[in-house]
Amino acid sequence: MNEIKAFIRKRKAEEVIDGLEVQGFCCMTLIDVMGLGRMSDPEKAQLSVSIAERFSDIMKLVVVCEEHDTEEAIETIRNRARSGQPGDGIIYVTPVSQTVHIRSGEAGRELRK
């Protein structure tokens, strides 16, 4: 299994989620975050009084999927999140060695797409 973390523009989040759902990915997490650094879009960046830095309004999308579904998820995210402008985002993929369901304690079960 792999964990896919994608930092995408907020305005593209719904489009990305819709694309993943069409491909059969049902379970994901979406978190509202502030991005600092090269990912910032200079035209859309705002000055934050609390951190005195430029930040971009972005979302962190997390999807855990089977290895054989990883490339499909990445391509769906890329195709749906891309605007062609600087600051479109970045995707990280990391291996997941185990899953444990909190309620049941069931471990190591294959994920459903």
PDB file of N, CA and C in Angstrom:
ATOM      1  N   MET A   1       0.832  -1.178   0.000  1.00  0.00           N
ATOM      2  CA  MET A   1       0.000   0.000   0.000  1.00  0.00           C
ATOM      3  C   MET A   1       0.879   1.245   0.000  1.00  0.00           C
ATOM      4  N   ASN A   2       0.307   2.330  -0.516  1.00  0.00           N
ATOM      5  CA  ASN A   2       1.002   3.610  -0.547  1.00  0.00           C
ATOM      6  C   ASN A   2       0.096   4.712  -0.028  1.00  0.00           C
ATOM      7  N   GLU A   3       0.721   5.698   0.604  1.00  0.00           N
ATOM      8  CA  GLU A   3       0.019   6.914   0.993  1.00  0.00           C
ATOM      9  C   GLU A   3       0.412   7.997   0.004  1.00  0.00           C
ATOM     10  N   ILE A   4      -0.593   8.610  -0.591  1.00  0.00           N
ATOM     11  CA  ILE A   4      -0.367   9.703  -1.531  1.00  0.00           C
ATOM     12  C   ILE A   4      -0.795  10.987  -0.842  1.00  0.00           C
ATOM     13  N   LYS A   5       0.150  11.932  -0.715  1.00  0.00           N
ATOM     14  CA  LYS A   5      -0.147  13.247  -0.147  1.00  0.00           C
ATOM     15  C   LYS A   5      -0.005  14.253  -1.284  1.00  0.00           C
ATOM     16  N   ALA A   6      -1.070  14.961  -1.559  1.00  0.00           N
ATOM     17  CA  ALA A   6      -1.050  15.956  -2.627  1.00  0.00           C
ATOM     18  C   ALA A   6      -1.407  17.315  -2.049  1.00  0.00           C
ATOM     19  N   PHE A   7      -0.568  18.292  -2.316  1.00  0.00           N
ATOM     20  CA  PHE A   7      -0.831  19.675  -1.916  1.00  0.00           C
ATOM     21  C   PHE A   7      -1.301  20.395  -3.174  1.00  0.00           C
ATOM     22  N   ILE A   8      -2.569  20.792  -3.187  1.00  0.00           N
ATOM     23  CA  ILE A   8      -3.203  21.327  -4.394  1.00  0.00           C
ATOM     24  C   ILE A   8      -3.886  22.659  -4.086  1.00  0.00           C
ATOM     25  N   ARG A   9      -4.191  23.402  -5.148  1.00  0.00           N
ATOM     26  CA  ARG A   9      -4.930  24.655  -4.989  1.00  0.00           C
ATOM     27  C   ARG A   9      -6.322  24.350  -4.438  1.00  0.00           C
ATOM     28  N   LYS A  10      -6.777  25.212  -3.532  1.00  0.00           N
ATOM     29  CA  LYS A  10      -8.090  25.029  -2.911  1.00  0.00           C
ATOM     30  C   LYS A  10      -9.198  24.982  -3.962  1.00  0.00           C
ATOM     31  N   ARG A  11      -9.102  25.839  -4.958  1.00  0.00           N
ATOM     32  CA  ARG A  11     -10.163  25.906  -5.967  1.00  0.00           C
ATOM     33  C   ARG A  11     -10.215  24.672  -6.860  1.00  0.00           C
ATOM     34  N   LYS A  12      -9.188  23.824  -6.811  1.00  0.00           N
ATOM     35  CA  LYS A  12      -9.150  22.609  -7.618  1.00  0.00           C
ATOM     36  C   LYS A  12      -9.561  21.360  -6.826  1.00  0.00           C
ATOM     37  N   ALA A  13      -9.753  21.501  -5.508  1.00  0.00           N
ATOM     38  CA  ALA A  13      -9.996  20.349  -4.640  1.00  0.00           C
ATOM     39  C   ALA A  13     -11.227  19.538  -5.058  1.00  0.00           C
ATOM     40  N   GLU A  14     -12.338  20.201  -5.302  1.00  0.00           N
ATOM     41  CA  GLU A  14     -13.561  19.483  -5.662  1.00  0.00           C
ATOM     42  C   GLU A  14     -13.386  18.713  -6.972  1.00  0.00           C
ATOM     43  N   GLU A  15     -12.729  19.327  -7.926  1.00  0.00           N
ATOM     44  CA  GLU A  15     -12.474  18.681  -9.216  1.00  0.00           C
ATOM     45  C   GLU A  15     -11.596  17.434  -9.046  1.00  0.00           C
ATOM     46  N   VAL A  16     -10.580  17.531  -8.190  1.00  0.00           N
ATOM     47  CA  VAL A  16      -9.690  16.389  -7.931  1.00  0.00           C
ATOM     48  C   VAL A  16     -10.454  15.269  -7.235  1.00  0.00           C
ATOM     49  N   ILE A  17     -11.224  15.606  -6.214  1.00  0.00           N
ATOM     50  CA  ILE A  17     -11.997  14.597  -5.481  1.00  0.00           C
ATOM     51  C   ILE A  17     -12.999  13.907  -6.411  1.00  0.00           C
ATOM     52  N   ASP A  18     -13.695  14.690  -7.228  1.00  0.00           N
ATOM     53  CA  ASP A  18     -14.641  14.101  -8.187  1.00  0.00           C
ATOM     54  C   ASP A  18     -13.937  13.116  -9.112  1.00  0.00           C
ATOM     55  N   GLY A  19     -12.757  13.499  -9.596  1.00  0.00           N
ATOM     56  CA  GLY A  19     -11.995  12.618 -10.485  1.00  0.00           C
ATOM     57  C   GLY A  19     -11.580  11.325  -9.806  1.00  0.00           C
ATOM     58  N   LEU A  20     -11.142  11.414  -8.555  1.00  0.00           N
ATOM     59  CA  LEU A  20     -10.760  10.218  -7.802  1.00  0.00           C
ATOM     60  C   LEU A  20     -11.966   9.317  -7.558  1.00  0.00           C
ATOM     61  N   GLU A  21     -13.109   9.909  -7.229  1.00  0.00           N
ATOM     62  CA  GLU A  21     -14.319   9.116  -6.999  1.00  0.00           C
ATOM     63  C   GLU A  21     -14.767   8.404  -8.267  1.00  0.00           C
ATOM     64  N   VAL A  22     -14.671   9.071  -9.417  1.00  0.00           N
ATOM     65  CA  VAL A  22     -15.016   8.443 -10.691  1.00  0.00           C
ATOM     66  C   VAL A  22     -14.130   7.228 -10.944  1.00  0.00           C
ATOM     67  N   GLN A  23     -12.860   7.310 -10.526  1.00  0.00           N
ATOM     68  CA  GLN A  23     -11.914   6.206 -10.703  1.00  0.00           C
ATOM     69  C   GLN A  23     -12.095   5.109  -9.646  1.00  0.00           C
ATOM     70  N   GLY A  24     -12.999   5.317  -8.683  1.00  0.00           N
ATOM     71  CA  GLY A  24     -13.280   4.294  -7.688  1.00  0.00           C
ATOM     72  C   GLY A  24     -12.583   4.475  -6.355  1.00  0.00           C
ATOM     73  N   PHE A  25     -11.876   5.578  -6.174  1.00  0.00           N
ATOM     74  CA  PHE A  25     -11.228   5.846  -4.883  1.00  0.00           C
ATOM     75  C   PHE A  25     -12.280   6.478  -3.967  1.00  0.00           C
ATOM     76  N   CYS A  26     -12.589   5.804  -2.861  1.00  0.00           N
ATOM     77  CA  CYS A  26     -13.699   6.263  -2.020  1.00  0.00           C
ATOM     78  C   CYS A  26     -13.245   6.960  -0.748  1.00  0.00           C
ATOM     79  N   CYS A  27     -12.080   6.617  -0.256  1.00  0.00           N
ATOM     80  CA  CYS A  27     -11.685   7.080   1.071  1.00  0.00           C
ATOM     81  C   CYS A  27     -10.484   8.007   0.974  1.00  0.00           C
ATOM     82  N   MET A  28     -10.649   9.224   1.455  1.00  0.00           N
ATOM     83  CA  MET A  28      -9.561  10.198   1.411  1.00  0.00           C
ATOM     84  C   MET A  28      -9.772  11.231   2.502  1.00  0.00           C
ATOM     85  N   THR A  29      -8.738  11.987   2.777  1.00  0.00           N
ATOM     86  CA  THR A  29      -8.795  13.052   3.770  1.00  0.00           C
ATOM     87  C   THR A  29      -8.411  14.352   3.086  1.00  0.00           C
ATOM     88  N   LEU A  30      -9.118  15.421   3.410  1.00  0.00           N
ATOM     89  CA  LEU A  30      -8.840  16.735   2.852  1.00  0.00           C
ATOM     90  C   LEU A  30      -8.649  17.696   4.013  1.00  0.00           C
ATOM     91  N   ILE A  31      -7.507  18.387   4.018  1.00  0.00           N
ATOM     92  CA  ILE A  31      -7.159  19.285   5.122  1.00  0.00           C
ATOM     93  C   ILE A  31      -6.827  20.657   4.546  1.00  0.00           C
ATOM     94  N   ASP A  32      -7.377  21.699   5.144  1.00  0.00           N
ATOM     95  CA  ASP A  32      -7.091  23.079   4.754  1.00  0.00           C
ATOM     96  C   ASP A  32      -5.751  23.470   5.375  1.00  0.00           C
ATOM     97  N   VAL A  33      -4.780  23.846   4.551  1.00  0.00           N
ATOM     98  CA  VAL A  33      -3.449  24.189   5.050  1.00  0.00           C
ATOM     99  C   VAL A  33      -2.962  25.484   4.415  1.00  0.00           C
ATOM    100  N   MET A  34      -1.856  26.031   4.947  1.00  0.00           N
ATOM    101  CA  MET A  34      -1.197  27.186   4.348  1.00  0.00           C
ATOM    102  C   MET A  34       0.146  26.716   3.815  1.00  0.00           C
ATOM    103  N   GLY A  35       0.455  27.063   2.587  1.00  0.00           N
ATOM    104  CA  GLY A  35       1.722  26.665   1.990  1.00  0.00           C
ATOM    105  C   GLY A  35       2.696  27.823   1.951  1.00  0.00           C
ATOM    106  N   LEU A  36       3.919  27.556   2.329  1.00  0.00           N
ATOM    107  CA  LEU A  36       4.978  28.552   2.310  1.00  0.00           C
ATOM    108  C   LEU A  36       6.077  28.109   1.359  1.00  0.00           C
ATOM    109  N   GLY A  37       6.739  29.040   0.718  1.00  0.00           N
ATOM    110  CA  GLY A  37       7.889  28.703  -0.107  1.00  0.00           C
ATOM    111  C   GLY A  37       7.590  28.741  -1.585  1.00  0.00           C
ATOM    112  N   ARG A  38       8.320  27.906  -2.332  1.00  0.00           N
ATOM    113  CA  ARG A  38       8.240  27.933  -3.792  1.00  0.00           C
ATOM    114  C   ARG A  38       6.857  27.593  -4.314  1.00  0.00           C
ATOM    115  N   MET A  39       6.057  26.927  -3.519  1.00  0.00           N
ATOM    116  CA  MET A  39       4.736  26.549  -3.975  1.00  0.00           C
ATOM    117  C   MET A  39       3.795  27.745  -4.048  1.00  0.00           C
ATOM    118  N   SER A  40       4.116  28.803  -3.349  1.00  0.00           N
ATOM    119  CA  SER A  40       3.253  29.976  -3.317  1.00  0.00           C
ATOM    120  C   SER A  40       3.079  30.583  -4.700  1.00  0.00           C
ATOM    121  N   ASP A  41       1.867  30.949  -5.014  1.00  0.00           N
ATOM    122  CA  ASP A  41       1.548  31.635  -6.259  1.00  0.00           C
ATOM    123  C   ASP A  41       1.636  33.128  -5.966  1.00  0.00           C
ATOM    124  N   PRO A  42       2.642  33.831  -6.503  1.00  0.00           N
ATOM    125  CA  PRO A  42       2.844  35.242  -6.155  1.00  0.00           C
ATOM    126  C   PRO A  42       1.626  36.117  -6.400  1.00  0.00           C
ATOM    127  N   GLU A  43       0.811  35.779  -7.395  1.00  0.00           N
ATOM    128  CA  GLU A  43      -0.360  36.599  -7.689  1.00  0.00           C
ATOM    129  C   GLU A  43      -1.492  36.382  -6.698  1.00  0.00           C
ATOM    130  N   LYS A  44      -1.544  35.209  -6.069  1.00  0.00           N
ATOM    131  CA  LYS A  44      -2.634  34.890  -5.150  1.00  0.00           C
ATOM    132  C   LYS A  44      -2.183  34.894  -3.693  1.00  0.00           C
ATOM    133  N   ALA A  45      -0.893  35.024  -3.433  1.00  0.00           N
ATOM    134  CA  ALA A  45      -0.369  34.963  -2.067  1.00  0.00           C
ATOM    135  C   ALA A  45      -0.859  36.151  -1.256  1.00  0.00           C
ATOM    136  N   GLN A  46      -1.012  35.924   0.040  1.00  0.00           N
ATOM    137  CA  GLN A  46      -1.454  36.956   0.961  1.00  0.00           C
ATOM    138  C   GLN A  46      -0.407  37.095   2.051  1.00  0.00           C
ATOM    139  N   LEU A  47      -0.379  38.254   2.689  1.00  0.00           N
ATOM    140  CA  LEU A  47       0.545  38.455   3.799  1.00  0.00           C
ATOM    141  C   LEU A  47      -0.153  38.059   5.087  1.00  0.00           C
ATOM    142  N   SER A  48       0.453  37.170   5.835  1.00  0.00           N
ATOM    143  CA  SER A  48      -0.104  36.728   7.107  1.00  0.00           C
ATOM    144  C   SER A  48       0.522  37.527   8.236  1.00  0.00           C
ATOM    145  N   VAL A  49      -0.292  38.194   9.012  1.00  0.00           N
ATOM    146  CA  VAL A  49       0.204  38.978  10.138  1.00  0.00           C
ATOM    147  C   VAL A  49       0.801  38.044  11.188  1.00  0.00           C
ATOM    148  N   SER A  50       0.197  36.874  11.389  1.00  0.00           N
ATOM    149  CA  SER A  50       0.645  35.984  12.454  1.00  0.00           C
ATOM    150  C   SER A  50       2.006  35.357  12.177  1.00  0.00           C
ATOM    151  N   ILE A  51       2.340  35.127  10.908  1.00  0.00           N
ATOM    152  CA  ILE A  51       3.642  34.514  10.619  1.00  0.00           C
ATOM    153  C   ILE A  51       4.529  35.380   9.743  1.00  0.00           C
ATOM    154  N   ALA A  52       4.026  36.535   9.361  1.00  0.00           N
ATOM    155  CA  ALA A  52       4.797  37.516   8.593  1.00  0.00           C
ATOM    156  C   ALA A  52       5.510  36.899   7.395  1.00  0.00           C
ATOM    157  N   GLU A  53       4.825  36.022   6.707  1.00  0.00           N
ATOM    158  CA  GLU A  53       5.356  35.391   5.491  1.00  0.00           C
ATOM    159  C   GLU A  53       4.241  35.354   4.455  1.00  0.00           C
ATOM    160  N   ARG A  54       4.622  35.100   3.249  1.00  0.00           N
ATOM    161  CA  ARG A  54       3.615  34.892   2.213  1.00  0.00           C
ATOM    162  C   ARG A  54       3.138  33.445   2.281  1.00  0.00           C
ATOM    163  N   PHE A  55       1.829  33.257   2.104  1.00  0.00           N
ATOM    164  CA  PHE A  55       1.308  31.904   2.076  1.00  0.00           C
ATOM    165  C   PHE A  55       0.262  31.790   0.990  1.00  0.00           C
ATOM    166  N   SER A  56       0.032  30.569   0.537  1.00  0.00           N
ATOM    167  CA  SER A  56      -1.007  30.291  -0.446  1.00  0.00           C
ATOM    168  C   SER A  56      -2.082  29.442   0.199  1.00  0.00           C
ATOM    169  N   ASP A  57      -3.309  29.678  -0.200  1.00  0.00           N
ATOM    170  CA  ASP A  57      -4.446  28.902   0.262  1.00  0.00           C
ATOM    171  C   ASP A  57      -4.442  27.568  -0.469  1.00  0.00           C
ATOM    172  N   ILE A  58      -4.070  26.506   0.202  1.00  0.00           N
ATOM    173  CA  ILE A  58      -3.992  25.205  -0.448  1.00  0.00           C
ATOM    174  C   ILE A  58      -4.662  24.145   0.415  1.00  0.00           C
ATOM    175  N   MET A  59      -4.861  22.995  -0.184  1.00  0.00           N
ATOM    176  CA  MET A  59      -5.458  21.846   0.493  1.00  0.00           C
ATOM    177  C   MET A  59      -4.462  20.696   0.459  1.00  0.00           C
ATOM    178  N   LYS A  60      -4.465  19.916   1.523  1.00  0.00           N
ATOM    179  CA  LYS A  60      -3.678  18.691   1.560  1.00  0.00           C
ATOM    180  C   LYS A  60      -4.665  17.541   1.416  1.00  0.00           C
ATOM    181  N   LEU A  61      -4.482  16.763   0.375  1.00  0.00           N
ATOM    182  CA  LEU A  61      -5.324  15.608   0.094  1.00  0.00           C
ATOM    183  C   LEU A  61      -4.511  14.361   0.392  1.00  0.00           C
ATOM    184  N   VAL A  62      -5.072  13.443   1.173  1.00  0.00           N
ATOM    185  CA  VAL A  62      -4.378  12.207   1.511  1.00  0.00           C
ATOM    186  C   VAL A  62      -5.235  11.030   1.059  1.00  0.00           C
ATOM    187  N   VAL A  63      -4.613  10.140   0.285  1.00  0.00           N
ATOM    188  CA  VAL A  63      -5.272   8.924  -0.196  1.00  0.00           C
ATOM    189  C   VAL A  63      -4.334   7.762   0.085  1.00  0.00           C
ATOM    190  N   VAL A  64      -4.856   6.698   0.670  1.00  0.00           N
ATOM    191  CA  VAL A  64      -4.079   5.472   0.834  1.00  0.00           C
ATOM    192  C   VAL A  64      -4.673   4.453  -0.109  1.00  0.00           C
ATOM    193  N   CYS A  65      -3.825   3.839  -0.925  1.00  0.00           N
ATOM    194  CA  CYS A  65      -4.322   2.897  -1.927  1.00  0.00           C
ATOM    195  C   CYS A  65      -3.344   1.736  -2.106  1.00  0.00           C
ATOM    196  N   GLU A  66      -3.809   0.724  -2.791  1.00  0.00           N
ATOM    197  CA  GLU A  66      -2.959  -0.420  -3.113  1.00  0.00           C
ATOM    198  C   GLU A  66      -1.876   0.036  -4.100  1.00  0.00           C
ATOM    199  N   GLU A  67      -0.749  -0.664  -4.084  1.00  0.00           N
ATOM    200  CA  GLU A  67       0.361  -0.291  -4.973  1.00  0.00           C
ATOM    201  C   GLU A  67      -0.060  -0.228  -6.431  1.00  0.00           C
ATOM    202  N   HIS A  68      -0.860  -1.195  -6.866  1.00  0.00           N
ATOM    203  CA  HIS A  68      -1.244  -1.241  -8.282  1.00  0.00           C
ATOM    204  C   HIS A  68      -2.200  -0.109  -8.685  1.00  0.00           C
ATOM    205  N   ASP A  69      -2.767   0.619  -7.707  1.00  0.00           N
ATOM    206  CA  ASP A  69      -3.643   1.755  -7.999  1.00  0.00           C
ATOM    207  C   ASP A  69      -2.939   3.107  -7.873  1.00  0.00           C
ATOM    208  N   THR A  70      -1.685   3.099  -7.435  1.00  0.00           N
ATOM    209  CA  THR A  70      -0.971   4.338  -7.132  1.00  0.00           C
ATOM    210  C   THR A  70      -0.815   5.243  -8.349  1.00  0.00           C
ATOM    211  N   GLU A  71      -0.339   4.718  -9.458  1.00  0.00           N
ATOM    212  CA  GLU A  71      -0.117   5.563 -10.646  1.00  0.00           C
ATOM    213  C   GLU A  71      -1.423   6.154 -11.168  1.00  0.00           C
ATOM    214  N   GLU A  72      -2.499   5.387 -11.110  1.00  0.00           N
ATOM    215  CA  GLU A  72      -3.801   5.888 -11.558  1.00  0.00           C
ATOM    216  C   GLU A  72      -4.246   7.064 -10.681  1.00  0.00           C
ATOM    217  N   ALA A  73      -4.063   6.941  -9.377  1.00  0.00           N
ATOM    218  CA  ALA A  73      -4.431   8.029  -8.464  1.00  0.00           C
ATOM    219  C   ALA A  73      -3.578   9.266  -8.723  1.00  0.00           C
ATOM    220  N   ILE A  74      -2.273   9.064  -8.899  1.00  0.00           N
ATOM    221  CA  ILE A  74      -1.369  10.192  -9.167  1.00  0.00           C
ATOM    222  C   ILE A  74      -1.771  10.918 -10.448  1.00  0.00           C
ATOM    223  N   GLU A  75      -2.026  10.172 -11.500  1.00  0.00           N
ATOM    224  CA  GLU A  75      -2.392  10.797 -12.773  1.00  0.00           C
ATOM    225  C   GLU A  75      -3.726  11.534 -12.680  1.00  0.00           C
ATOM    226  N   THR A  76      -4.671  10.967 -11.953  1.00  0.00           N
ATOM    227  CA  THR A  76      -5.960  11.636 -11.771  1.00  0.00           C
ATOM    228  C   THR A  76      -5.762  12.955 -11.031  1.00  0.00           C
ATOM    229  N   ILE A  77      -4.974  12.936  -9.963  1.00  0.00           N
ATOM    230  CA  ILE A  77      -4.703  14.161  -9.208  1.00  0.00           C
ATOM    231  C   ILE A  77      -4.006  15.183 -10.099  1.00  0.00           C
ATOM    232  N   ARG A  78      -2.968  14.751 -10.814  1.00  0.00           N
ATOM    233  CA  ARG A  78      -2.221  15.675 -11.690  1.00  0.00           C
ATOM    234  C   ARG A  78      -3.123  16.297 -12.750  1.00  0.00           C
ATOM    235  N   ASN A  79      -3.913  15.476 -13.411  1.00  0.00           N
ATOM    236  CA  ASN A  79      -4.765  15.976 -14.490  1.00  0.00           C
ATOM    237  C   ASN A  79      -5.836  16.937 -13.991  1.00  0.00           C
ATOM    238  N   ARG A  80      -6.389  16.662 -12.823  1.00  0.00           N
ATOM    239  CA  ARG A  80      -7.469  17.490 -12.299  1.00  0.00           C
ATOM    240  C   ARG A  80      -6.964  18.724 -11.559  1.00  0.00           C
ATOM    241  N   ALA A  81      -5.767  18.675 -10.976  1.00  0.00           N
ATOM    242  CA  ALA A  81      -5.250  19.793 -10.171  1.00  0.00           C
ATOM    243  C   ALA A  81      -4.456  20.798 -10.994  1.00  0.00           C
ATOM    244  N   ARG A  82      -4.057  20.419 -12.183  1.00  0.00           N
ATOM    245  CA  ARG A  82      -3.156  21.255 -12.982  1.00  0.00           C
ATOM    246  C   ARG A  82      -3.878  22.456 -13.585  1.00  0.00           C
ATOM    247  N   SER A  83      -3.299  23.653 -13.362  1.00  0.00           N
ATOM    248  CA  SER A  83      -3.801  24.873 -14.005  1.00  0.00           C
ATOM    249  C   SER A  83      -2.794  25.381 -15.032  1.00  0.00           C
ATOM    250  N   GLY A  84      -1.553  24.888 -14.927  1.00  0.00           N
ATOM    251  CA  GLY A  84      -0.500  25.353 -15.819  1.00  0.00           C
ATOM    252  C   GLY A  84       0.277  26.546 -15.279  1.00  0.00           C
ATOM    253  N   GLN A  85      -0.116  27.032 -14.115  1.00  0.00           N
ATOM    254  CA  GLN A  85       0.544  28.186 -13.497  1.00  0.00           C
ATOM    255  C   GLN A  85       1.486  27.719 -12.387  1.00  0.00           C
ATOM    256  N   PRO A  86       2.500  28.526 -12.051  1.00  0.00           N
ATOM    257  CA  PRO A  86       3.357  28.178 -10.912  1.00  0.00           C
ATOM    258  C   PRO A  86       2.512  28.020  -9.654  1.00  0.00           C
ATOM    259  N   GLY A  87       2.881  27.067  -8.826  1.00  0.00           N
ATOM    260  CA  GLY A  87       2.158  26.844  -7.581  1.00  0.00           C
ATOM    261  C   GLY A  87       1.023  25.849  -7.688  1.00  0.00           C
ATOM    262  N   ASP A  88       1.000  25.048  -8.759  1.00  0.00           N
ATOM    263  CA  ASP A  88      -0.064  24.045  -8.913  1.00  0.00           C
ATOM    264  C   ASP A  88      -0.021  22.989  -7.823  1.00  0.00           C
ATOM    265  N   GLY A  89       1.126  22.769  -7.218  1.00  0.00           N
ATOM    266  CA  GLY A  89       1.192  21.822  -6.107  1.00  0.00           C
ATOM    267  C   GLY A  89       2.265  20.771  -6.283  1.00  0.00           C
ATOM    268  N   ILE A  90       2.218  19.792  -5.383  1.00  0.00           N
ATOM    269  CA  ILE A  90       3.203  18.714  -5.389  1.00  0.00           C
ATOM    270  C   ILE A  90       2.558  17.463  -4.801  1.00  0.00           C
ATOM    271  N   ILE A  91       3.041  16.313  -5.225  1.00  0.00           N
ATOM    272  CA  ILE A  91       2.532  15.023  -4.747  1.00  0.00           C
ATOM    273  C   ILE A  91       3.688  14.248  -4.150  1.00  0.00           C
ATOM    274  N   TYR A  92       3.467  13.677  -2.962  1.00  0.00           N
ATOM    275  CA  TYR A  92       4.440  12.798  -2.314  1.00  0.00           C
ATOM    276  C   TYR A  92       3.811  11.411  -2.186  1.00  0.00           C
ATOM    277  N   VAL A  93       4.600  10.379  -2.395  1.00  0.00           N
ATOM    278  CA  VAL A  93       4.136   9.010  -2.224  1.00  0.00           C
ATOM    279  C   VAL A  93       5.067   8.303  -1.245  1.00  0.00           C
ATOM    280  N   THR A  94       4.476   7.701  -0.216  1.00  0.00           N
ATOM    281  CA  THR A  94       5.256   6.964   0.770  1.00  0.00           C
ATOM    282  C   THR A  94       4.604   5.603   1.001  1.00  0.00           C
ATOM    283  N   PRO A  95       5.429   4.582   1.271  1.00  0.00           N
ATOM    284  CA  PRO A  95       4.867   3.254   1.524  1.00  0.00           C
ATOM    285  C   PRO A  95       4.148   3.190   2.871  1.00  0.00           C
ATOM    286  N   VAL A  96       3.100   2.392   2.927  1.00  0.00           N
ATOM    287  CA  VAL A  96       2.366   2.128   4.159  1.00  0.00           C
ATOM    288  C   VAL A  96       2.582   0.658   4.491  1.00  0.00           C
ATOM    289  N   SER A  97       3.150   0.389   5.649  1.00  0.00           N
ATOM    290  CA  SER A  97       3.485  -0.996   5.990  1.00  0.00           C
ATOM    291  C   SER A  97       2.345  -1.731   6.695  1.00  0.00           C
ATOM    292  N   GLN A  98       1.412  -0.983   7.306  1.00  0.00           N
ATOM    293  CA  GLN A  98       0.350  -1.657   8.044  1.00  0.00           C
ATOM    294  C   GLN A  98      -0.823  -0.720   8.241  1.00  0.00           C
ATOM    295  N   THR A  99      -2.024  -1.297   8.313  1.00  0.00           N
ATOM    296  CA  THR A  99      -3.209  -0.546   8.703  1.00  0.00           C
ATOM    297  C   THR A  99      -3.866  -1.267   9.872  1.00  0.00           C
ATOM    298  N   VAL A 100      -4.423  -0.508  10.805  1.00  0.00           N
ATOM    299  CA  VAL A 100      -5.149  -1.075  11.940  1.00  0.00           C
ATOM    300  C   VAL A 100      -6.434  -0.278  12.108  1.00  0.00           C
ATOM    301  N   HIS A 101      -7.567  -0.965  12.081  1.00  0.00           N
ATOM    302  CA  HIS A 101      -8.851  -0.300  12.292  1.00  0.00           C
ATOM    303  C   HIS A 101      -9.050  -0.084  13.787  1.00  0.00           C
ATOM    304  N   ILE A 102      -9.324   1.142  14.167  1.00  0.00           N
ATOM    305  CA  ILE A 102      -9.405   1.511  15.576  1.00  0.00           C
ATOM    306  C   ILE A 102     -10.529   0.752  16.290  1.00  0.00           C
ATOM    307  N   ARG A 103     -11.715   0.712  15.703  1.00  0.00           N
ATOM    308  CA  ARG A 103     -12.852   0.077  16.371  1.00  0.00           C
ATOM    309  C   ARG A 103     -12.651  -1.417  16.557  1.00  0.00           C
ATOM    310  N   SER A 104     -12.273  -2.113  15.481  1.00  0.00           N
ATOM    311  CA  SER A 104     -12.225  -3.583  15.524  1.00  0.00           C
ATOM    312  C   SER A 104     -10.843  -4.138  15.883  1.00  0.00           C
ATOM    313  N   GLY A 105      -9.815  -3.335  15.668  1.00  0.00           N
ATOM    314  CA  GLY A 105      -8.458  -3.836  15.879  1.00  0.00           C
ATOM    315  C   GLY A 105      -7.959  -4.675  14.720  1.00  0.00           C
ATOM    316  N   GLU A 106      -8.796  -4.818  13.680  1.00  0.00           N
ATOM    317  CA  GLU A 106      -8.427  -5.601  12.499  1.00  0.00           C
ATOM    318  C   GLU A 106      -7.214  -4.952  11.814  1.00  0.00           C
ATOM    319  N   ALA A 107      -6.226  -5.767  11.501  1.00  0.00           N
ATOM    320  CA  ALA A 107      -4.984  -5.242  10.927  1.00  0.00           C
ATOM    321  C   ALA A 107      -4.665  -5.916   9.603  1.00  0.00           C
ATOM    322  N   GLY A 108      -3.947  -5.151   8.760  1.00  0.00           N
ATOM    323  CA  GLY A 108      -3.384  -5.711   7.535  1.00  0.00           C
ATOM    324  C   GLY A 108      -4.367  -6.057   6.442  1.00  0.00           C
ATOM    325  N   ARG A 109      -5.586  -5.612   6.539  1.00  0.00           N
ATOM    326  CA  ARG A 109      -6.585  -5.921   5.519  1.00  0.00           C
ATOM    327  C   ARG A 109      -6.314  -5.129   4.245  1.00  0.00           C
ATOM    328  N   GLU A 110      -6.574  -5.741   3.110  1.00  0.00           N
ATOM    329  CA  GLU A 110      -6.407  -5.016   1.845  1.00  0.00           C
ATOM    330  C   GLU A 110      -7.395  -3.868   1.780  1.00  0.00           C
ATOM    331  N   LEU A 111      -6.988  -2.803   1.170  1.00  0.00           N
ATOM    332  CA  LEU A 111      -7.871  -1.658   0.988  1.00  0.00           C
ATOM    333  C   LEU A 111      -8.809  -1.914  -0.170  1.00  0.00           C
ATOM    334  N   ARG A 112      -9.995  -1.383  -0.056  1.00  0.00           N
ATOM    335  CA  ARG A 112     -10.928  -1.435  -1.187  1.00  0.00           C
ATOM    336  C   ARG A 112     -10.771  -0.160  -1.981  1.00  0.00           C
ATOM    337  N   LYS A 113     -10.742  -0.310  -3.276  1.00  0.00           N
ATOM    338  CA  LYS A 113     -10.642   0.860  -4.140  1.00  0.00           C
ATOM    339  C   LYS A 113     -11.990   1.495  -4.267  1.00  0.00           C
TER     340      LYS A 113
END
